[in-house]
Amino acid sequence: MYVIRLADGTLRVPQSLTSEDGRLIGNAYVELEPGDPDYDLWLPESLTEEEAAERRERWLTDNDELEQEFLAFKAEQEDA
């Protein structure tokens, strides 16, 4: 998940909610507007929606070698 910077300057920051024993309950985005206390902390890591889409697309098209390694590993685990 990426920190997304919207056209109006609002940041969508990923946030996870976990139970007391550490189990993941869910993932969501929290919106921070300029002037919010944590805004300047997250701004340098933010991407525009277009940049985030480009990264997702690049991951889908450029991960063939990694995917093959994973599938081989998974097959090994299933055979064991």
PDB file of N, CA and C in Angstrom:
ATOM      1  N   MET A   1       0.846  -1.176   0.000  1.00  0.00           N
ATOM      2  CA  MET A   1       0.000   0.000   0.000  1.00  0.00           C
ATOM      3  C   MET A   1       0.890   1.236   0.000  1.00  0.00           C
ATOM      4  N   TYR A   2       0.470   2.203  -0.750  1.00  0.00           N
ATOM      5  CA  TYR A   2       1.235   3.432  -0.891  1.00  0.00           C
ATOM      6  C   TYR A   2       0.506   4.597  -0.218  1.00  0.00           C
ATOM      7  N   VAL A   3       1.263   5.640   0.118  1.00  0.00           N
ATOM      8  CA  VAL A   3       0.674   6.909   0.535  1.00  0.00           C
ATOM      9  C   VAL A   3       0.327   7.636  -0.761  1.00  0.00           C
ATOM     10  N   ILE A   4      -0.961   7.909  -0.959  1.00  0.00           N
ATOM     11  CA  ILE A   4      -1.442   8.519  -2.190  1.00  0.00           C
ATOM     12  C   ILE A   4      -1.693  10.007  -1.959  1.00  0.00           C
ATOM     13  N   ARG A   5      -1.169  10.829  -2.871  1.00  0.00           N
ATOM     14  CA  ARG A   5      -1.364  12.280  -2.811  1.00  0.00           C
ATOM     15  C   ARG A   5      -2.404  12.655  -3.864  1.00  0.00           C
ATOM     16  N   LEU A   6      -3.549  13.119  -3.410  1.00  0.00           N
ATOM     17  CA  LEU A   6      -4.622  13.517  -4.316  1.00  0.00           C
ATOM     18  C   LEU A   6      -4.353  14.897  -4.899  1.00  0.00           C
ATOM     19  N   ALA A   7      -5.072  15.238  -5.955  1.00  0.00           N
ATOM     20  CA  ALA A   7      -4.859  16.509  -6.648  1.00  0.00           C
ATOM     21  C   ALA A   7      -5.054  17.716  -5.737  1.00  0.00           C
ATOM     22  N   ASP A   8      -5.927  17.604  -4.742  1.00  0.00           N
ATOM     23  CA  ASP A   8      -6.168  18.737  -3.831  1.00  0.00           C
ATOM     24  C   ASP A   8      -5.163  18.799  -2.680  1.00  0.00           C
ATOM     25  N   GLY A   9      -4.169  17.898  -2.680  1.00  0.00           N
ATOM     26  CA  GLY A   9      -3.149  17.901  -1.636  1.00  0.00           C
ATOM     27  C   GLY A   9      -3.430  16.946  -0.491  1.00  0.00           C
ATOM     28  N   THR A  10      -4.621  16.387  -0.430  1.00  0.00           N
ATOM     29  CA  THR A  10      -4.961  15.422   0.610  1.00  0.00           C
ATOM     30  C   THR A  10      -4.114  14.165   0.437  1.00  0.00           C
ATOM     31  N   LEU A  11      -3.646  13.619   1.547  1.00  0.00           N
ATOM     32  CA  LEU A  11      -2.905  12.362   1.520  1.00  0.00           C
ATOM     33  C   LEU A  11      -3.794  11.238   2.019  1.00  0.00           C
ATOM     34  N   ARG A  12      -3.754  10.117   1.334  1.00  0.00           N
ATOM     35  CA  ARG A  12      -4.407   8.899   1.807  1.00  0.00           C
ATOM     36  C   ARG A  12      -3.302   7.987   2.323  1.00  0.00           C
ATOM     37  N   VAL A  13      -3.297   7.810   3.646  1.00  0.00           N
ATOM     38  CA  VAL A  13      -2.241   7.058   4.316  1.00  0.00           C
ATOM     39  C   VAL A  13      -2.790   5.695   4.736  1.00  0.00           C
ATOM     40  N   PRO A  14      -2.096   4.602   4.360  1.00  0.00           N
ATOM     41  CA  PRO A  14      -2.584   3.283   4.761  1.00  0.00           C
ATOM     42  C   PRO A  14      -2.500   3.110   6.275  1.00  0.00           C
ATOM     43  N   GLN A  15      -3.487   2.423   6.818  1.00  0.00           N
ATOM     44  CA  GLN A  15      -3.511   2.149   8.248  1.00  0.00           C
ATOM     45  C   GLN A  15      -4.091   0.757   8.446  1.00  0.00           C
ATOM     46  N   SER A  16      -3.468  -0.021   9.311  1.00  0.00           N
ATOM     47  CA  SER A  16      -3.951  -1.362   9.633  1.00  0.00           C
ATOM     48  C   SER A  16      -4.532  -1.354  11.034  1.00  0.00           C
ATOM     49  N   LEU A  17      -5.567  -2.140  11.208  1.00  0.00           N
ATOM     50  CA  LEU A  17      -6.182  -2.312  12.513  1.00  0.00           C
ATOM     51  C   LEU A  17      -5.921  -3.746  12.947  1.00  0.00           C
ATOM     52  N   THR A  18      -5.340  -3.911  14.135  1.00  0.00           N
ATOM     53  CA  THR A  18      -5.035  -5.243  14.642  1.00  0.00           C
ATOM     54  C   THR A  18      -5.721  -5.465  15.979  1.00  0.00           C
ATOM     55  N   SER A  19      -5.932  -6.745  16.294  1.00  0.00           N
ATOM     56  CA  SER A  19      -6.523  -7.092  17.579  1.00  0.00           C
ATOM     57  C   SER A  19      -5.440  -7.039  18.653  1.00  0.00           C
ATOM     58  N   GLU A  20      -5.834  -7.198  19.897  1.00  0.00           N
ATOM     59  CA  GLU A  20      -4.863  -7.144  20.999  1.00  0.00           C
ATOM     60  C   GLU A  20      -3.802  -8.223  20.891  1.00  0.00           C
ATOM     61  N   ASP A  21      -4.147  -9.363  20.279  1.00  0.00           N
ATOM     62  CA  ASP A  21      -3.161 -10.436  20.136  1.00  0.00           C
ATOM     63  C   ASP A  21      -2.371 -10.339  18.829  1.00  0.00           C
ATOM     64  N   GLY A  22      -2.548  -9.235  18.094  1.00  0.00           N
ATOM     65  CA  GLY A  22      -1.737  -8.976  16.914  1.00  0.00           C
ATOM     66  C   GLY A  22      -2.329  -9.446  15.595  1.00  0.00           C
ATOM     67  N   ARG A  23      -3.508 -10.047  15.618  1.00  0.00           N
ATOM     68  CA  ARG A  23      -4.117 -10.491  14.365  1.00  0.00           C
ATOM     69  C   ARG A  23      -4.637  -9.291  13.581  1.00  0.00           C
ATOM     70  N   LEU A  24      -4.462  -9.366  12.276  1.00  0.00           N
ATOM     71  CA  LEU A  24      -4.920  -8.303  11.401  1.00  0.00           C
ATOM     72  C   LEU A  24      -6.438  -8.335  11.298  1.00  0.00           C
ATOM     73  N   ILE A  25      -7.063  -7.207  11.569  1.00  0.00           N
ATOM     74  CA  ILE A  25      -8.515  -7.091  11.436  1.00  0.00           C
ATOM     75  C   ILE A  25      -8.850  -6.496  10.070  1.00  0.00           C
ATOM     76  N   GLY A  26      -8.090  -5.500   9.641  1.00  0.00           N
ATOM     77  CA  GLY A  26      -8.358  -4.899   8.342  1.00  0.00           C
ATOM     78  C   GLY A  26      -7.371  -3.811   7.985  1.00  0.00           C
ATOM     79  N   ASN A  27      -7.347  -3.468   6.700  1.00  0.00           N
ATOM     80  CA  ASN A  27      -6.524  -2.386   6.176  1.00  0.00           C
ATOM     81  C   ASN A  27      -7.446  -1.325   5.598  1.00  0.00           C
ATOM     82  N   ALA A  28      -7.064  -0.085   5.745  1.00  0.00           N
ATOM     83  CA  ALA A  28      -7.856   1.024   5.219  1.00  0.00           C
ATOM     84  C   ALA A  28      -6.924   2.199   4.957  1.00  0.00           C
ATOM     85  N   TYR A  29      -7.488   3.271   4.443  1.00  0.00           N
ATOM     86  CA  TYR A  29      -6.747   4.511   4.265  1.00  0.00           C
ATOM     87  C   TYR A  29      -7.349   5.579   5.170  1.00  0.00           C
ATOM     88  N   VAL A  30      -6.486   6.406   5.741  1.00  0.00           N
ATOM     89  CA  VAL A  30      -6.890   7.568   6.531  1.00  0.00           C
ATOM     90  C   VAL A  30      -6.490   8.789   5.714  1.00  0.00           C
ATOM     91  N   GLU A  31      -7.366   9.764   5.609  1.00  0.00           N
ATOM     92  CA  GLU A  31      -7.053  10.963   4.842  1.00  0.00           C
ATOM     93  C   GLU A  31      -6.494  12.057   5.753  1.00  0.00           C
ATOM     94  N   LEU A  32      -5.362  12.615   5.338  1.00  0.00           N
ATOM     95  CA  LEU A  32      -4.726  13.730   6.040  1.00  0.00           C
ATOM     96  C   LEU A  32      -4.701  14.924   5.109  1.00  0.00           C
ATOM     97  N   GLU A  33      -5.113  16.064   5.600  1.00  0.00           N
ATOM     98  CA  GLU A  33      -5.101  17.286   4.811  1.00  0.00           C
ATOM     99  C   GLU A  33      -3.923  18.159   5.240  1.00  0.00           C
ATOM    100  N   PRO A  34      -3.461  19.046   4.342  1.00  0.00           N
ATOM    101  CA  PRO A  34      -2.391  19.962   4.752  1.00  0.00           C
ATOM    102  C   PRO A  34      -2.768  20.652   6.061  1.00  0.00           C
ATOM    103  N   GLY A  35      -1.825  20.688   6.981  1.00  0.00           N
ATOM    104  CA  GLY A  35      -2.072  21.271   8.298  1.00  0.00           C
ATOM    105  C   GLY A  35      -2.298  20.225   9.372  1.00  0.00           C
ATOM    106  N   ASP A  36      -2.649  18.979   8.978  1.00  0.00           N
ATOM    107  CA  ASP A  36      -2.769  17.903   9.969  1.00  0.00           C
ATOM    108  C   ASP A  36      -1.395  17.630  10.565  1.00  0.00           C
ATOM    109  N   PRO A  37      -1.324  17.240  11.852  1.00  0.00           N
ATOM    110  CA  PRO A  37      -0.029  17.066  12.511  1.00  0.00           C
ATOM    111  C   PRO A  37       0.935  16.106  11.806  1.00  0.00           C
ATOM    112  N   ASP A  38       0.448  15.017  11.216  1.00  0.00           N
ATOM    113  CA  ASP A  38       1.338  14.039  10.580  1.00  0.00           C
ATOM    114  C   ASP A  38       1.514  14.260   9.082  1.00  0.00           C
ATOM    115  N   TYR A  39       0.917  15.292   8.541  1.00  0.00           N
ATOM    116  CA  TYR A  39       0.948  15.525   7.094  1.00  0.00           C
ATOM    117  C   TYR A  39       2.382  15.611   6.566  1.00  0.00           C
ATOM    118  N   ASP A  40       3.211  16.445   7.186  1.00  0.00           N
ATOM    119  CA  ASP A  40       4.584  16.642   6.704  1.00  0.00           C
ATOM    120  C   ASP A  40       5.429  15.382   6.831  1.00  0.00           C
ATOM    121  N   LEU A  41       5.070  14.508   7.751  1.00  0.00           N
ATOM    122  CA  LEU A  41       5.777  13.235   7.916  1.00  0.00           C
ATOM    123  C   LEU A  41       5.567  12.326   6.707  1.00  0.00           C
ATOM    124  N   TRP A  42       4.351  12.295   6.197  1.00  0.00           N
ATOM    125  CA  TRP A  42       3.996  11.380   5.114  1.00  0.00           C
ATOM    126  C   TRP A  42       4.199  11.965   3.718  1.00  0.00           C
ATOM    127  N   LEU A  43       4.239  13.281   3.588  1.00  0.00           N
ATOM    128  CA  LEU A  43       4.326  13.926   2.279  1.00  0.00           C
ATOM    129  C   LEU A  43       5.501  13.438   1.426  1.00  0.00           C
ATOM    130  N   PRO A  44       6.718  13.316   1.966  1.00  0.00           N
ATOM    131  CA  PRO A  44       7.834  12.881   1.115  1.00  0.00           C
ATOM    132  C   PRO A  44       7.659  11.471   0.542  1.00  0.00           C
ATOM    133  N   GLU A  45       6.874  10.620   1.204  1.00  0.00           N
ATOM    134  CA  GLU A  45       6.670   9.250   0.733  1.00  0.00           C
ATOM    135  C   GLU A  45       5.496   9.116  -0.223  1.00  0.00           C
ATOM    136  N   SER A  46       4.764  10.204  -0.439  1.00  0.00           N
ATOM    137  CA  SER A  46       3.521  10.112  -1.193  1.00  0.00           C
ATOM    138  C   SER A  46       3.761  10.022  -2.698  1.00  0.00           C
ATOM    139  N   LEU A  47       2.812   9.388  -3.355  1.00  0.00           N
ATOM    140  CA  LEU A  47       2.791   9.259  -4.807  1.00  0.00           C
ATOM    141  C   LEU A  47       1.454   9.784  -5.311  1.00  0.00           C
ATOM    142  N   THR A  48       1.456  10.312  -6.522  1.00  0.00           N
ATOM    143  CA  THR A  48       0.176  10.672  -7.113  1.00  0.00           C
ATOM    144  C   THR A  48      -0.561   9.379  -7.468  1.00  0.00           C
ATOM    145  N   GLU A  49      -1.851   9.488  -7.741  1.00  0.00           N
ATOM    146  CA  GLU A  49      -2.611   8.305  -8.136  1.00  0.00           C
ATOM    147  C   GLU A  49      -2.035   7.694  -9.414  1.00  0.00           C
ATOM    148  N   GLU A  50      -1.566   8.536 -10.322  1.00  0.00           N
ATOM    149  CA  GLU A  50      -0.978   8.059 -11.570  1.00  0.00           C
ATOM    150  C   GLU A  50       0.323   7.310 -11.320  1.00  0.00           C
ATOM    151  N   GLU A  51       1.171   7.846 -10.429  1.00  0.00           N
ATOM    152  CA  GLU A  51       2.434   7.172 -10.102  1.00  0.00           C
ATOM    153  C   GLU A  51       2.174   5.817  -9.443  1.00  0.00           C
ATOM    154  N   ALA A  52       1.192   5.746  -8.556  1.00  0.00           N
ATOM    155  CA  ALA A  52       0.863   4.484  -7.899  1.00  0.00           C
ATOM    156  C   ALA A  52       0.348   3.474  -8.914  1.00  0.00           C
ATOM    157  N   ALA A  53      -0.491   3.913  -9.848  1.00  0.00           N
ATOM    158  CA  ALA A  53      -1.004   3.011 -10.890  1.00  0.00           C
ATOM    159  C   ALA A  53       0.131   2.510 -11.770  1.00  0.00           C
ATOM    160  N   GLU A  54       1.080   3.389 -12.088  1.00  0.00           N
ATOM    161  CA  GLU A  54       2.234   3.007 -12.903  1.00  0.00           C
ATOM    162  C   GLU A  54       3.073   1.950 -12.184  1.00  0.00           C
ATOM    163  N   ARG A  55       3.286   2.106 -10.887  1.00  0.00           N
ATOM    164  CA  ARG A  55       4.049   1.118 -10.120  1.00  0.00           C
ATOM    165  C   ARG A  55       3.339  -0.238 -10.091  1.00  0.00           C
ATOM    166  N   ARG A  56       2.014  -0.200  -9.898  1.00  0.00           N
ATOM    167  CA  ARG A  56       1.255  -1.457  -9.909  1.00  0.00           C
ATOM    168  C   ARG A  56       1.378  -2.154 -11.261  1.00  0.00           C
ATOM    169  N   GLU A  57       1.240  -1.382 -12.331  1.00  0.00           N
ATOM    170  CA  GLU A  57       1.342  -1.946 -13.680  1.00  0.00           C
ATOM    171  C   GLU A  57       2.738  -2.510 -13.933  1.00  0.00           C
ATOM    172  N   ARG A  58       3.757  -1.772 -13.505  1.00  0.00           N
ATOM    173  CA  ARG A  58       5.140  -2.233 -13.682  1.00  0.00           C
ATOM    174  C   ARG A  58       5.373  -3.532 -12.913  1.00  0.00           C
ATOM    175  N   TRP A  59       4.809  -3.633 -11.703  1.00  0.00           N
ATOM    176  CA  TRP A  59       4.942  -4.839 -10.907  1.00  0.00           C
ATOM    177  C   TRP A  59       4.290  -6.021 -11.631  1.00  0.00           C
ATOM    178  N   LEU A  60       3.113  -5.809 -12.192  1.00  0.00           N
ATOM    179  CA  LEU A  60       2.403  -6.876 -12.880  1.00  0.00           C
ATOM    180  C   LEU A  60       3.144  -7.351 -14.119  1.00  0.00           C
ATOM    181  N   THR A  61       3.780  -6.430 -14.836  1.00  0.00           N
ATOM    182  CA  THR A  61       4.452  -6.815 -16.075  1.00  0.00           C
ATOM    183  C   THR A  61       5.898  -7.255 -15.871  1.00  0.00           C
ATOM    184  N   ASP A  62       6.544  -6.787 -14.821  1.00  0.00           N
ATOM    185  CA  ASP A  62       7.982  -7.049 -14.644  1.00  0.00           C
ATOM    186  C   ASP A  62       8.312  -8.100 -13.592  1.00  0.00           C
ATOM    187  N   ASN A  63       7.330  -8.823 -13.075  1.00  0.00           N
ATOM    188  CA  ASN A  63       7.637  -9.735 -11.982  1.00  0.00           C
ATOM    189  C   ASN A  63       7.661 -11.202 -12.410  1.00  0.00           C
ATOM    190  N   ASP A  64       7.768 -11.470 -13.709  1.00  0.00           N
ATOM    191  CA  ASP A  64       7.709 -12.846 -14.198  1.00  0.00           C
ATOM    192  C   ASP A  64       8.759 -13.749 -13.547  1.00  0.00           C
ATOM    193  N   GLU A  65       9.988 -13.288 -13.465  1.00  0.00           N
ATOM    194  CA  GLU A  65      11.058 -14.108 -12.889  1.00  0.00           C
ATOM    195  C   GLU A  65      10.778 -14.399 -11.417  1.00  0.00           C
ATOM    196  N   LEU A  66      10.387 -13.392 -10.673  1.00  0.00           N
ATOM    197  CA  LEU A  66      10.071 -13.574  -9.258  1.00  0.00           C
ATOM    198  C   LEU A  66       8.884 -14.526  -9.091  1.00  0.00           C
ATOM    199  N   GLU A  67       7.886 -14.376  -9.952  1.00  0.00           N
ATOM    200  CA  GLU A  67       6.714 -15.245  -9.874  1.00  0.00           C
ATOM    201  C   GLU A  67       7.095 -16.695 -10.148  1.00  0.00           C
ATOM    202  N   GLN A  68       7.967 -16.927 -11.108  1.00  0.00           N
ATOM    203  CA  GLN A  68       8.405 -18.290 -11.408  1.00  0.00           C
ATOM    204  C   GLN A  68       9.166 -18.895 -10.223  1.00  0.00           C
ATOM    205  N   GLU A  69      10.011 -18.093  -9.576  1.00  0.00           N
ATOM    206  CA  GLU A  69      10.727 -18.570  -8.390  1.00  0.00           C
ATOM    207  C   GLU A  69       9.747 -18.933  -7.286  1.00  0.00           C
ATOM    208  N   PHE A  70       8.739 -18.104  -7.088  1.00  0.00           N
ATOM    209  CA  PHE A  70       7.746 -18.380  -6.060  1.00  0.00           C
ATOM    210  C   PHE A  70       6.967 -19.656  -6.376  1.00  0.00           C
ATOM    211  N   LEU A  71       6.538 -19.819  -7.618  1.00  0.00           N
ATOM    212  CA  LEU A  71       5.776 -21.006  -7.986  1.00  0.00           C
ATOM    213  C   LEU A  71       6.608 -22.279  -7.813  1.00  0.00           C
ATOM    214  N   ALA A  72       7.893 -22.202  -8.135  1.00  0.00           N
ATOM    215  CA  ALA A  72       8.784 -23.355  -7.933  1.00  0.00           C
ATOM    216  C   ALA A  72       8.904 -23.667  -6.448  1.00  0.00           C
ATOM    217  N   PHE A  73       9.071 -22.635  -5.610  1.00  0.00           N
ATOM    218  CA  PHE A  73       9.153 -22.818  -4.174  1.00  0.00           C
ATOM    219  C   PHE A  73       7.860 -23.424  -3.645  1.00  0.00           C
ATOM    220  N   LYS A  74       6.734 -22.909  -4.092  1.00  0.00           N
ATOM    221  CA  LYS A  74       5.433 -23.411  -3.648  1.00  0.00           C
ATOM    222  C   LYS A  74       5.244 -24.879  -4.031  1.00  0.00           C
ATOM    223  N   ALA A  75       5.662 -25.244  -5.239  1.00  0.00           N
ATOM    224  CA  ALA A  75       5.556 -26.636  -5.674  1.00  0.00           C
ATOM    225  C   ALA A  75       6.440 -27.536  -4.807  1.00  0.00           C
ATOM    226  N   GLU A  76       7.629 -27.063  -4.466  1.00  0.00           N
ATOM    227  CA  GLU A  76       8.525 -27.817  -3.575  1.00  0.00           C
ATOM    228  C   GLU A  76       7.861 -28.069  -2.223  1.00  0.00           C
ATOM    229  N   GLN A  77       7.241 -27.046  -1.678  1.00  0.00           N
ATOM    230  CA  GLN A  77       6.579 -27.149  -0.378  1.00  0.00           C
ATOM    231  C   GLN A  77       5.413 -28.126  -0.434  1.00  0.00           C
ATOM    232  N   GLU A  78       4.669 -28.119  -1.522  1.00  0.00           N
ATOM    233  CA  GLU A  78       3.529 -29.011  -1.650  1.00  0.00           C
ATOM    234  C   GLU A  78       3.970 -30.459  -1.813  1.00  0.00           C
ATOM    235  N   ASP A  79       5.142 -30.674  -2.436  1.00  0.00           N
ATOM    236  CA  ASP A  79       5.658 -32.033  -2.625  1.00  0.00           C
ATOM    237  C   ASP A  79       6.259 -32.606  -1.348  1.00  0.00           C
ATOM    238  N   ALA A  80       6.672 -31.748  -0.442  1.00  0.00           N
ATOM    239  CA  ALA A  80       7.348 -32.202   0.784  1.00  0.00           C
ATOM    240  C   ALA A  80       6.363 -32.753   1.801  1.00  0.00           C
TER     241      ALA A  80
END
